[in-house]
Amino acid sequence: MKMDMGHHKLCIEADFVGMTDEEVVEHVLGHDPQCFDEITRRYQGKLMAYLWRFVGDSDEASDILQDVFVKAFNKLDTFDLEKKFSPWIYRISHNEAVNHLKRKSRKHFIGLEDISTSNDKLKAADTDDASLDQWFQKELREEIKDALSQLPPHYREIIILRYFEDQSYQEIGKILDKPTNTVGTLLRRAKRRLLKVMMAMDSEELS
């Protein structure tokens, strides 16, 4: 199935209220490809927010999003209707964003091992995973977003998926193509890295 970018008509064949994503996909595949508009409507806002946080630029995120929908439409017949649709399209978004950053390959990140931090403050906040989770839930999201830009992409993305997109460990595993236990390990490392960056930012503000 290929997307026709030159000709477009509104989908009028189905009432999608109450239908799952998977049921919508089944309708698109079996009845009317133009009803992919419903998938676009459901995911445009969520994927735009995800891509913007990941690549850090709204124009670039918008361009990537268009590629995501084209690729998702063209590959829709490969989707397994017995599985959840959300991780599938997030996986495509992940791949497109990573490829974009690789092509761009000009952004540099702080060497976090070289950041001077307060060991006492870090130990106080870094006692266990439950404490870190509690801290992340209370922390202002604007502050977290500022610090996210200083993380390597693989750490930044897993924080976004978990704390901004509210994806489960299982869903993140499907998106990143990693085992669930690996997701947990990466998330713990990412939270500790982000905590160090935010503490360094606080130190700079006080100096």
N, C-alpha and C. Protein backbone atom coordinates (compact mmCIF):
# COMPACT_ATOMS: atom_id res chain seq x y z
N MET A 1 0.85 -1.19 0.00
CA MET A 1 0.00 0.00 0.00
C MET A 1 0.89 1.24 0.00
N LYS A 2 0.66 2.14 -0.95
CA LYS A 2 1.46 3.35 -1.07
C LYS A 2 0.58 4.58 -0.89
N MET A 3 1.11 5.58 -0.22
CA MET A 3 0.35 6.81 0.02
C MET A 3 0.36 7.67 -1.22
N ASP A 4 -0.81 8.10 -1.63
CA ASP A 4 -0.96 9.01 -2.75
C ASP A 4 -0.95 10.42 -2.20
N MET A 5 0.16 11.12 -2.38
CA MET A 5 0.30 12.46 -1.83
C MET A 5 -0.34 13.51 -2.74
N GLY A 6 -0.70 13.12 -3.95
CA GLY A 6 -1.24 14.10 -4.90
C GLY A 6 -2.75 14.18 -4.88
N HIS A 7 -3.44 13.11 -4.53
CA HIS A 7 -4.89 13.09 -4.52
C HIS A 7 -5.39 12.71 -3.13
N HIS A 8 -6.37 13.44 -2.67
CA HIS A 8 -6.84 13.22 -1.30
C HIS A 8 -8.34 13.38 -1.25
N LYS A 9 -9.00 12.51 -0.55
CA LYS A 9 -10.44 12.65 -0.32
C LYS A 9 -10.71 12.32 1.14
N LEU A 10 -11.79 12.86 1.65
CA LEU A 10 -12.14 12.63 3.05
C LEU A 10 -12.70 11.22 3.21
N CYS A 11 -12.36 10.63 4.35
CA CYS A 11 -12.92 9.31 4.67
C CYS A 11 -14.31 9.51 5.25
N ILE A 12 -15.30 8.93 4.62
CA ILE A 12 -16.67 9.11 5.09
C ILE A 12 -17.37 7.77 5.31
N GLU A 13 -16.61 6.68 5.26
CA GLU A 13 -17.23 5.36 5.28
C GLU A 13 -17.41 4.78 6.67
N ALA A 14 -16.82 5.38 7.68
CA ALA A 14 -16.90 4.74 9.00
C ALA A 14 -17.01 5.78 10.10
N ASP A 15 -17.69 5.38 11.17
CA ASP A 15 -17.73 6.18 12.40
C ASP A 15 -16.74 5.54 13.36
N PHE A 16 -15.65 6.25 13.65
CA PHE A 16 -14.56 5.64 14.40
C PHE A 16 -14.68 5.83 15.91
N VAL A 17 -15.74 6.48 16.37
CA VAL A 17 -15.92 6.68 17.81
C VAL A 17 -16.04 5.31 18.49
N GLY A 18 -15.20 5.11 19.50
CA GLY A 18 -15.23 3.85 20.24
C GLY A 18 -14.40 2.75 19.64
N MET A 19 -13.84 2.98 18.44
CA MET A 19 -13.00 1.96 17.81
C MET A 19 -11.57 2.04 18.33
N THR A 20 -10.93 0.92 18.51
CA THR A 20 -9.52 0.90 18.90
C THR A 20 -8.66 1.26 17.70
N ASP A 21 -7.41 1.61 17.97
CA ASP A 21 -6.48 1.88 16.87
C ASP A 21 -6.37 0.69 15.93
N GLU A 22 -6.33 -0.49 16.53
CA GLU A 22 -6.18 -1.70 15.72
C GLU A 22 -7.39 -1.92 14.81
N GLU A 23 -8.57 -1.60 15.31
CA GLU A 23 -9.79 -1.71 14.50
C GLU A 23 -9.79 -0.69 13.37
N VAL A 24 -9.28 0.51 13.65
CA VAL A 24 -9.17 1.52 12.60
C VAL A 24 -8.21 1.04 11.51
N VAL A 25 -7.07 0.51 11.93
CA VAL A 25 -6.09 -0.01 10.96
C VAL A 25 -6.72 -1.11 10.10
N GLU A 26 -7.45 -1.99 10.74
CA GLU A 26 -8.11 -3.07 10.00
C GLU A 26 -9.08 -2.52 8.96
N HIS A 27 -9.79 -1.46 9.34
CA HIS A 27 -10.71 -0.82 8.39
C HIS A 27 -9.94 -0.19 7.23
N VAL A 28 -8.85 0.49 7.55
CA VAL A 28 -8.04 1.12 6.50
C VAL A 28 -7.55 0.06 5.51
N LEU A 29 -7.07 -1.03 6.03
CA LEU A 29 -6.51 -2.08 5.17
C LEU A 29 -7.59 -2.80 4.36
N GLY A 30 -8.76 -2.97 4.96
CA GLY A 30 -9.77 -3.78 4.29
C GLY A 30 -10.83 -3.01 3.54
N HIS A 31 -10.97 -1.70 3.82
CA HIS A 31 -12.07 -0.97 3.23
C HIS A 31 -11.66 0.32 2.51
N ASP A 32 -10.96 1.20 3.20
CA ASP A 32 -10.70 2.51 2.61
C ASP A 32 -9.36 3.08 3.10
N PRO A 33 -8.34 3.04 2.26
CA PRO A 33 -7.03 3.58 2.65
C PRO A 33 -7.08 5.05 3.07
N GLN A 34 -8.05 5.82 2.54
CA GLN A 34 -8.13 7.24 2.90
C GLN A 34 -8.49 7.44 4.37
N CYS A 35 -9.01 6.39 5.00
CA CYS A 35 -9.36 6.50 6.42
C CYS A 35 -8.13 6.48 7.32
N PHE A 36 -6.95 6.40 6.73
CA PHE A 36 -5.73 6.59 7.51
C PHE A 36 -5.72 7.97 8.15
N ASP A 37 -6.54 8.88 7.62
CA ASP A 37 -6.67 10.20 8.25
C ASP A 37 -7.00 10.10 9.73
N GLU A 38 -7.75 9.07 10.10
CA GLU A 38 -8.12 8.89 11.51
C GLU A 38 -6.91 8.57 12.36
N ILE A 39 -5.99 7.78 11.81
CA ILE A 39 -4.74 7.49 12.52
C ILE A 39 -3.92 8.77 12.67
N THR A 40 -3.86 9.54 11.61
CA THR A 40 -3.13 10.81 11.66
C THR A 40 -3.74 11.73 12.72
N ARG A 41 -5.06 11.79 12.76
CA ARG A 41 -5.74 12.65 13.75
C ARG A 41 -5.41 12.22 15.17
N ARG A 42 -5.39 10.92 15.40
CA ARG A 42 -5.16 10.41 16.75
C ARG A 42 -3.72 10.59 17.22
N TYR A 43 -2.79 10.53 16.30
CA TYR A 43 -1.38 10.49 16.71
C TYR A 43 -0.58 11.74 16.39
N GLN A 44 -1.15 12.68 15.66
CA GLN A 44 -0.37 13.84 15.26
C GLN A 44 0.16 14.63 16.44
N GLY A 45 -0.71 14.93 17.40
CA GLY A 45 -0.28 15.72 18.55
C GLY A 45 0.72 14.99 19.42
N LYS A 46 0.44 13.72 19.71
CA LYS A 46 1.33 12.94 20.58
C LYS A 46 2.71 12.76 19.96
N LEU A 47 2.74 12.40 18.69
CA LEU A 47 4.03 12.16 18.05
C LEU A 47 4.81 13.45 17.83
N MET A 48 4.09 14.55 17.57
CA MET A 48 4.77 15.83 17.41
C MET A 48 5.46 16.22 18.70
N ALA A 49 4.76 16.06 19.84
CA ALA A 49 5.36 16.39 21.14
C ALA A 49 6.58 15.51 21.42
N TYR A 50 6.44 14.23 21.12
CA TYR A 50 7.54 13.28 21.33
C TYR A 50 8.76 13.64 20.49
N LEU A 51 8.54 13.90 19.20
CA LEU A 51 9.65 14.21 18.30
C LEU A 51 10.29 15.55 18.63
N TRP A 52 9.46 16.52 19.03
CA TRP A 52 10.00 17.83 19.37
C TRP A 52 10.92 17.73 20.59
N ARG A 53 10.50 16.98 21.59
CA ARG A 53 11.35 16.82 22.77
C ARG A 53 12.62 16.05 22.42
N PHE A 54 12.50 15.12 21.48
CA PHE A 54 13.65 14.28 21.12
C PHE A 54 14.69 15.06 20.31
N VAL A 55 14.27 15.77 19.26
CA VAL A 55 15.23 16.44 18.38
C VAL A 55 15.47 17.90 18.76
N GLY A 56 14.56 18.47 19.60
CA GLY A 56 14.80 19.80 20.12
C GLY A 56 14.48 20.95 19.18
N ASP A 57 13.78 20.68 18.08
CA ASP A 57 13.45 21.73 17.12
C ASP A 57 12.08 21.42 16.53
N SER A 58 11.15 22.39 16.62
CA SER A 58 9.78 22.12 16.18
C SER A 58 9.67 21.95 14.67
N ASP A 59 10.44 22.72 13.90
CA ASP A 59 10.38 22.59 12.44
C ASP A 59 10.92 21.24 12.00
N GLU A 60 12.04 20.83 12.59
CA GLU A 60 12.61 19.53 12.25
C GLU A 60 11.66 18.41 12.67
N ALA A 61 11.04 18.56 13.85
CA ALA A 61 10.09 17.55 14.32
C ALA A 61 8.91 17.44 13.37
N SER A 62 8.43 18.56 12.86
CA SER A 62 7.31 18.55 11.93
C SER A 62 7.66 17.83 10.64
N ASP A 63 8.87 18.07 10.14
CA ASP A 63 9.32 17.38 8.92
C ASP A 63 9.42 15.87 9.16
N ILE A 64 9.98 15.50 10.29
CA ILE A 64 10.11 14.08 10.62
C ILE A 64 8.73 13.44 10.73
N LEU A 65 7.80 14.17 11.34
CA LEU A 65 6.45 13.63 11.54
C LEU A 65 5.79 13.28 10.20
N GLN A 66 5.97 14.13 9.22
CA GLN A 66 5.40 13.83 7.90
C GLN A 66 6.00 12.54 7.34
N ASP A 67 7.30 12.37 7.51
CA ASP A 67 7.95 11.14 7.05
C ASP A 67 7.42 9.92 7.80
N VAL A 68 7.16 10.11 9.10
CA VAL A 68 6.64 9.01 9.91
C VAL A 68 5.30 8.54 9.38
N PHE A 69 4.40 9.47 9.09
CA PHE A 69 3.07 9.08 8.62
C PHE A 69 3.12 8.45 7.23
N VAL A 70 3.98 8.97 6.38
CA VAL A 70 4.12 8.37 5.05
C VAL A 70 4.64 6.94 5.18
N LYS A 71 5.67 6.77 6.00
CA LYS A 71 6.25 5.43 6.18
C LYS A 71 5.26 4.49 6.85
N ALA A 72 4.54 4.99 7.86
CA ALA A 72 3.55 4.15 8.54
C ALA A 72 2.46 3.70 7.57
N PHE A 73 1.98 4.60 6.72
CA PHE A 73 0.96 4.25 5.75
C PHE A 73 1.48 3.20 4.77
N ASN A 74 2.68 3.43 4.27
CA ASN A 74 3.24 2.52 3.27
C ASN A 74 3.57 1.14 3.83
N LYS A 75 3.80 1.07 5.15
CA LYS A 75 4.13 -0.20 5.79
C LYS A 75 2.96 -0.79 6.57
N LEU A 76 1.80 -0.18 6.44
CA LEU A 76 0.67 -0.57 7.29
C LEU A 76 0.29 -2.03 7.11
N ASP A 77 0.46 -2.55 5.91
CA ASP A 77 0.08 -3.95 5.68
C ASP A 77 1.04 -4.93 6.34
N THR A 78 2.13 -4.44 6.92
CA THR A 78 3.04 -5.31 7.67
C THR A 78 2.71 -5.33 9.16
N PHE A 79 1.77 -4.48 9.58
CA PHE A 79 1.41 -4.41 11.00
C PHE A 79 0.61 -5.65 11.40
N ASP A 80 0.96 -6.24 12.53
CA ASP A 80 0.27 -7.40 13.07
C ASP A 80 -0.95 -6.93 13.86
N LEU A 81 -2.14 -7.20 13.34
CA LEU A 81 -3.37 -6.73 13.97
C LEU A 81 -3.62 -7.34 15.34
N GLU A 82 -2.87 -8.37 15.70
CA GLU A 82 -3.01 -8.99 17.02
C GLU A 82 -2.23 -8.22 18.09
N LYS A 83 -1.42 -7.25 17.66
CA LYS A 83 -0.60 -6.49 18.60
C LYS A 83 -1.12 -5.07 18.73
N LYS A 84 -0.57 -4.32 19.70
CA LYS A 84 -0.97 -2.93 19.89
C LYS A 84 -0.33 -2.05 18.83
N PHE A 85 -1.10 -1.08 18.34
CA PHE A 85 -0.62 -0.22 17.26
C PHE A 85 0.35 0.85 17.77
N SER A 86 0.10 1.36 18.98
CA SER A 86 0.87 2.49 19.49
C SER A 86 2.39 2.23 19.49
N PRO A 87 2.89 1.12 20.06
CA PRO A 87 4.33 0.89 20.02
C PRO A 87 4.88 0.77 18.60
N TRP A 88 4.06 0.29 17.69
CA TRP A 88 4.49 0.12 16.30
C TRP A 88 4.78 1.46 15.65
N ILE A 89 3.86 2.42 15.80
CA ILE A 89 4.09 3.72 15.16
C ILE A 89 5.12 4.55 15.93
N TYR A 90 5.22 4.34 17.24
CA TYR A 90 6.28 5.00 18.00
C TYR A 90 7.65 4.46 17.59
N ARG A 91 7.71 3.17 17.25
CA ARG A 91 8.95 2.58 16.78
C ARG A 91 9.41 3.22 15.47
N ILE A 92 8.46 3.46 14.57
CA ILE A 92 8.79 4.15 13.32
C ILE A 92 9.28 5.56 13.62
N SER A 93 8.62 6.24 14.54
CA SER A 93 9.03 7.60 14.93
C SER A 93 10.44 7.60 15.52
N HIS A 94 10.70 6.63 16.37
CA HIS A 94 12.02 6.48 16.97
C HIS A 94 13.09 6.33 15.89
N ASN A 95 12.85 5.45 14.94
CA ASN A 95 13.84 5.21 13.88
C ASN A 95 14.07 6.46 13.03
N GLU A 96 12.99 7.15 12.69
CA GLU A 96 13.12 8.36 11.88
C GLU A 96 13.88 9.46 12.63
N ALA A 97 13.60 9.60 13.93
CA ALA A 97 14.29 10.62 14.72
C ALA A 97 15.77 10.30 14.88
N VAL A 98 16.08 9.03 15.15
CA VAL A 98 17.48 8.63 15.29
C VAL A 98 18.23 8.84 13.98
N ASN A 99 17.62 8.47 12.87
CA ASN A 99 18.27 8.66 11.57
C ASN A 99 18.48 10.14 11.28
N HIS A 100 17.52 10.96 11.68
CA HIS A 100 17.67 12.41 11.50
C HIS A 100 18.86 12.95 12.29
N LEU A 101 18.97 12.53 13.55
CA LEU A 101 20.07 13.00 14.38
C LEU A 101 21.42 12.51 13.85
N LYS A 102 21.43 11.30 13.30
CA LYS A 102 22.67 10.78 12.72
C LYS A 102 23.08 11.61 11.51
N ARG A 103 22.10 11.95 10.68
CA ARG A 103 22.40 12.77 9.50
C ARG A 103 22.86 14.16 9.91
N LYS A 104 22.22 14.67 10.90
CA LYS A 104 22.57 16.01 11.37
C LYS A 104 23.98 16.01 11.97
N SER A 105 24.21 15.08 12.84
CA SER A 105 25.53 14.79 13.44
C SER A 105 26.39 16.02 13.72
N ARG A 106 25.78 17.01 14.27
CA ARG A 106 26.57 18.20 14.58
C ARG A 106 26.35 18.69 16.01
N LYS A 107 25.43 18.01 16.71
CA LYS A 107 25.15 18.45 18.07
C LYS A 107 26.09 17.76 19.04
N HIS A 108 26.66 18.51 19.95
CA HIS A 108 27.58 17.96 20.94
C HIS A 108 26.94 18.03 22.32
N PHE A 109 27.26 17.04 23.11
CA PHE A 109 26.69 16.97 24.45
C PHE A 109 27.78 17.10 25.50
N ILE A 110 27.40 17.58 26.65
CA ILE A 110 28.34 17.73 27.75
C ILE A 110 28.89 16.38 28.17
N GLY A 111 30.21 16.32 28.42
CA GLY A 111 30.80 15.11 28.97
C GLY A 111 30.43 15.01 30.42
N LEU A 112 29.43 14.21 30.71
CA LEU A 112 28.86 14.21 32.06
C LEU A 112 29.82 13.69 33.11
N GLU A 113 30.77 12.85 32.68
CA GLU A 113 31.75 12.35 33.65
C GLU A 113 32.63 13.48 34.17
N ASP A 114 32.70 14.59 33.42
CA ASP A 114 33.55 15.71 33.81
C ASP A 114 32.82 16.76 34.62
N ILE A 115 31.51 16.59 34.79
CA ILE A 115 30.75 17.57 35.54
C ILE A 115 31.03 17.41 37.03
N SER A 116 31.34 18.50 37.69
CA SER A 116 31.57 18.46 39.13
C SER A 116 30.24 18.57 39.85
N THR A 117 29.93 17.57 40.70
CA THR A 117 28.67 17.58 41.43
C THR A 117 28.94 17.36 42.91
N SER A 118 27.93 17.64 43.70
CA SER A 118 28.01 17.43 45.14
C SER A 118 27.65 15.99 45.45
N ASN A 119 28.61 15.21 45.94
CA ASN A 119 28.35 13.81 46.25
C ASN A 119 27.29 13.65 47.32
N ASP A 120 27.33 14.53 48.31
CA ASP A 120 26.34 14.42 49.39
C ASP A 120 24.93 14.63 48.86
N LYS A 121 24.76 15.64 47.99
CA LYS A 121 23.43 15.91 47.44
C LYS A 121 22.97 14.78 46.54
N LEU A 122 23.89 14.24 45.75
CA LEU A 122 23.55 13.14 44.85
C LEU A 122 23.12 11.91 45.64
N LYS A 123 23.88 11.57 46.69
CA LYS A 123 23.54 10.39 47.48
C LYS A 123 22.19 10.56 48.16
N ALA A 124 21.88 11.78 48.58
CA ALA A 124 20.61 12.02 49.26
C ALA A 124 19.43 11.75 48.33
N ALA A 125 19.57 12.11 47.05
CA ALA A 125 18.48 11.93 46.09
C ALA A 125 18.52 10.58 45.41
N ASP A 126 19.69 9.92 45.46
CA ASP A 126 19.93 8.72 44.67
C ASP A 126 19.94 7.47 45.55
N THR A 127 19.09 7.45 46.54
CA THR A 127 19.11 6.31 47.45
C THR A 127 18.56 5.05 46.82
N ASP A 128 17.49 5.16 46.05
CA ASP A 128 16.92 4.00 45.39
C ASP A 128 16.02 4.47 44.25
N ASP A 129 15.56 3.51 43.45
CA ASP A 129 14.74 3.85 42.29
C ASP A 129 13.42 4.51 42.69
N ALA A 130 12.83 4.07 43.80
CA ALA A 130 11.56 4.64 44.23
C ALA A 130 11.72 6.12 44.55
N SER A 131 12.82 6.48 45.22
CA SER A 131 13.07 7.88 45.55
C SER A 131 13.25 8.71 44.30
N LEU A 132 13.98 8.16 43.33
CA LEU A 132 14.18 8.89 42.08
C LEU A 132 12.87 9.09 41.33
N ASP A 133 12.04 8.05 41.29
CA ASP A 133 10.75 8.17 40.63
C ASP A 133 9.91 9.26 41.29
N GLN A 134 9.92 9.29 42.60
CA GLN A 134 9.17 10.29 43.34
C GLN A 134 9.68 11.69 43.02
N TRP A 135 10.99 11.81 42.93
CA TRP A 135 11.60 13.10 42.61
C TRP A 135 11.22 13.57 41.22
N PHE A 136 11.23 12.65 40.25
CA PHE A 136 10.89 13.01 38.88
C PHE A 136 9.44 13.44 38.77
N GLN A 137 8.55 12.80 39.53
CA GLN A 137 7.14 13.16 39.45
C GLN A 137 6.91 14.56 40.00
N LYS A 138 7.69 14.97 40.99
CA LYS A 138 7.49 16.28 41.62
C LYS A 138 8.24 17.40 40.89
N GLU A 139 9.31 17.05 40.19
CA GLU A 139 10.15 18.07 39.56
C GLU A 139 9.41 18.81 38.47
N LEU A 140 9.64 20.10 38.34
CA LEU A 140 9.01 20.89 37.28
C LEU A 140 9.46 20.39 35.92
N ARG A 141 8.49 20.19 35.03
CA ARG A 141 8.82 19.61 33.74
C ARG A 141 9.65 20.57 32.87
N GLU A 142 9.45 21.86 33.04
CA GLU A 142 10.23 22.81 32.26
C GLU A 142 11.71 22.67 32.60
N GLU A 143 12.02 22.49 33.88
CA GLU A 143 13.41 22.31 34.28
C GLU A 143 13.98 21.04 33.69
N ILE A 144 13.19 19.97 33.72
CA ILE A 144 13.65 18.71 33.16
C ILE A 144 13.91 18.84 31.68
N LYS A 145 13.03 19.56 30.96
CA LYS A 145 13.20 19.71 29.52
C LYS A 145 14.49 20.45 29.19
N ASP A 146 14.84 21.46 30.01
CA ASP A 146 16.09 22.19 29.79
C ASP A 146 17.29 21.24 29.93
N ALA A 147 17.23 20.39 30.93
CA ALA A 147 18.34 19.47 31.16
C ALA A 147 18.38 18.33 30.14
N LEU A 148 17.22 17.95 29.61
CA LEU A 148 17.16 16.84 28.65
C LEU A 148 18.03 17.09 27.43
N SER A 149 18.12 18.34 27.01
CA SER A 149 18.89 18.65 25.80
C SER A 149 20.37 18.35 25.97
N GLN A 150 20.81 18.17 27.22
CA GLN A 150 22.22 17.91 27.47
C GLN A 150 22.52 16.41 27.62
N LEU A 151 21.50 15.58 27.47
CA LEU A 151 21.70 14.14 27.56
C LEU A 151 21.97 13.54 26.18
N PRO A 152 22.72 12.44 26.12
CA PRO A 152 22.85 11.71 24.86
C PRO A 152 21.48 11.24 24.40
N PRO A 153 21.26 11.11 23.09
CA PRO A 153 19.92 10.80 22.57
C PRO A 153 19.28 9.56 23.17
N HIS A 154 20.05 8.48 23.40
CA HIS A 154 19.43 7.25 23.89
C HIS A 154 18.93 7.40 25.32
N TYR A 155 19.58 8.24 26.13
CA TYR A 155 19.08 8.51 27.47
C TYR A 155 17.91 9.49 27.44
N ARG A 156 18.03 10.51 26.57
CA ARG A 156 16.97 11.50 26.46
C ARG A 156 15.66 10.85 26.05
N GLU A 157 15.73 9.95 25.07
CA GLU A 157 14.51 9.36 24.55
C GLU A 157 13.80 8.49 25.58
N ILE A 158 14.55 7.72 26.33
CA ILE A 158 13.89 6.82 27.28
C ILE A 158 13.23 7.60 28.41
N ILE A 159 13.81 8.74 28.79
CA ILE A 159 13.16 9.62 29.77
C ILE A 159 11.86 10.18 29.19
N ILE A 160 11.91 10.61 27.93
CA ILE A 160 10.72 11.17 27.28
C ILE A 160 9.61 10.14 27.20
N LEU A 161 9.96 8.93 26.76
CA LEU A 161 8.95 7.89 26.60
C LEU A 161 8.29 7.53 27.94
N ARG A 162 9.09 7.48 28.99
CA ARG A 162 8.55 7.06 30.29
C ARG A 162 7.80 8.18 31.00
N TYR A 163 8.38 9.40 31.05
CA TYR A 163 7.84 10.44 31.91
C TYR A 163 7.01 11.48 31.17
N PHE A 164 7.18 11.61 29.86
CA PHE A 164 6.37 12.54 29.10
C PHE A 164 5.28 11.83 28.29
N GLU A 165 5.62 10.66 27.76
CA GLU A 165 4.65 9.91 26.96
C GLU A 165 3.91 8.84 27.78
N ASP A 166 4.33 8.62 29.01
CA ASP A 166 3.68 7.65 29.92
C ASP A 166 3.62 6.24 29.34
N GLN A 167 4.67 5.85 28.65
CA GLN A 167 4.74 4.51 28.09
C GLN A 167 5.20 3.52 29.17
N SER A 168 4.65 2.32 29.14
CA SER A 168 5.07 1.28 30.09
C SER A 168 6.43 0.72 29.68
N TYR A 169 7.06 -0.02 30.60
CA TYR A 169 8.34 -0.64 30.28
C TYR A 169 8.19 -1.57 29.07
N GLN A 170 7.06 -2.30 29.03
CA GLN A 170 6.84 -3.23 27.92
C GLN A 170 6.71 -2.48 26.59
N GLU A 171 5.98 -1.37 26.61
CA GLU A 171 5.81 -0.58 25.38
C GLU A 171 7.12 0.06 24.95
N ILE A 172 7.88 0.56 25.91
CA ILE A 172 9.19 1.14 25.58
C ILE A 172 10.09 0.08 24.97
N GLY A 173 10.04 -1.14 25.52
CA GLY A 173 10.84 -2.23 24.97
C GLY A 173 10.50 -2.50 23.51
N LYS A 174 9.22 -2.44 23.18
CA LYS A 174 8.81 -2.67 21.79
C LYS A 174 9.26 -1.52 20.89
N ILE A 175 9.17 -0.30 21.39
CA ILE A 175 9.57 0.87 20.61
C ILE A 175 11.08 0.86 20.34
N LEU A 176 11.86 0.56 21.37
CA LEU A 176 13.32 0.59 21.26
C LEU A 176 13.90 -0.76 20.83
N ASP A 177 13.05 -1.77 20.73
CA ASP A 177 13.48 -3.12 20.37
C ASP A 177 14.50 -3.65 21.38
N LYS A 178 14.13 -3.54 22.66
CA LYS A 178 15.01 -4.00 23.73
C LYS A 178 14.19 -4.80 24.75
N PRO A 179 14.82 -5.77 25.44
CA PRO A 179 14.10 -6.52 26.49
C PRO A 179 13.67 -5.58 27.61
N THR A 180 12.61 -5.96 28.30
CA THR A 180 12.07 -5.12 29.36
C THR A 180 13.09 -4.87 30.46
N ASN A 181 13.88 -5.88 30.84
CA ASN A 181 14.88 -5.66 31.90
C ASN A 181 15.96 -4.68 31.46
N THR A 182 16.27 -4.67 30.15
CA THR A 182 17.24 -3.70 29.62
C THR A 182 16.67 -2.29 29.69
N VAL A 183 15.37 -2.16 29.43
CA VAL A 183 14.70 -0.86 29.55
C VAL A 183 14.85 -0.32 30.97
N GLY A 184 14.63 -1.18 31.95
CA GLY A 184 14.77 -0.75 33.34
C GLY A 184 16.17 -0.27 33.66
N THR A 185 17.17 -1.00 33.17
CA THR A 185 18.57 -0.62 33.40
C THR A 185 18.89 0.72 32.75
N LEU A 186 18.47 0.89 31.49
CA LEU A 186 18.73 2.14 30.78
C LEU A 186 18.02 3.32 31.45
N LEU A 187 16.80 3.08 31.92
CA LEU A 187 16.05 4.16 32.55
C LEU A 187 16.71 4.60 33.85
N ARG A 188 17.20 3.64 34.64
CA ARG A 188 17.91 4.01 35.88
C ARG A 188 19.15 4.84 35.57
N ARG A 189 19.92 4.41 34.57
CA ARG A 189 21.11 5.18 34.20
C ARG A 189 20.74 6.57 33.70
N ALA A 190 19.68 6.64 32.90
CA ALA A 190 19.27 7.94 32.34
C ALA A 190 18.83 8.90 33.43
N LYS A 191 18.10 8.39 34.43
CA LYS A 191 17.63 9.25 35.52
C LYS A 191 18.80 9.79 36.33
N ARG A 192 19.79 8.95 36.54
CA ARG A 192 20.96 9.40 37.30
C ARG A 192 21.75 10.44 36.51
N ARG A 193 21.87 10.24 35.21
CA ARG A 193 22.56 11.23 34.38
C ARG A 193 21.81 12.55 34.40
N LEU A 194 20.49 12.48 34.26
CA LEU A 194 19.70 13.70 34.25
C LEU A 194 19.78 14.43 35.58
N LEU A 195 19.78 13.68 36.66
CA LEU A 195 19.91 14.28 37.99
C LEU A 195 21.24 15.02 38.11
N LYS A 196 22.30 14.42 37.61
CA LYS A 196 23.61 15.08 37.67
C LYS A 196 23.61 16.38 36.87
N VAL A 197 23.00 16.36 35.69
CA VAL A 197 22.94 17.56 34.86
C VAL A 197 22.17 18.66 35.56
N MET A 198 21.03 18.30 36.16
CA MET A 198 20.22 19.31 36.83
C MET A 198 20.92 19.89 38.06
N MET A 199 21.67 19.07 38.76
CA MET A 199 22.44 19.58 39.90
C MET A 199 23.53 20.51 39.44
N ALA A 200 24.15 20.18 38.30
CA ALA A 200 25.18 21.06 37.75
C ALA A 200 24.57 22.39 37.32
N MET A 201 23.38 22.34 36.76
CA MET A 201 22.69 23.59 36.37
C MET A 201 22.38 24.42 37.59
N ASP A 202 21.95 23.78 38.67
CA ASP A 202 21.67 24.51 39.92
C ASP A 202 22.93 25.17 40.45
N SER A 203 24.04 24.46 40.37
CA SER A 203 25.32 25.00 40.86
C SER A 203 25.74 26.23 40.06
N GLU A 204 25.50 26.18 38.74
CA GLU A 204 25.85 27.32 37.89
C GLU A 204 25.00 28.55 38.23
N GLU A 205 23.72 28.33 38.55
CA GLU A 205 22.84 29.43 38.89
C GLU A 205 23.25 30.09 40.21
N LEU A 206 23.79 29.28 41.12
CA LEU A 206 24.19 29.81 42.43
C LEU A 206 25.55 30.49 42.40
N SER A 207 26.36 30.15 41.40
CA SER A 207 27.72 30.71 41.36
C SER A 207 27.73 32.13 40.79
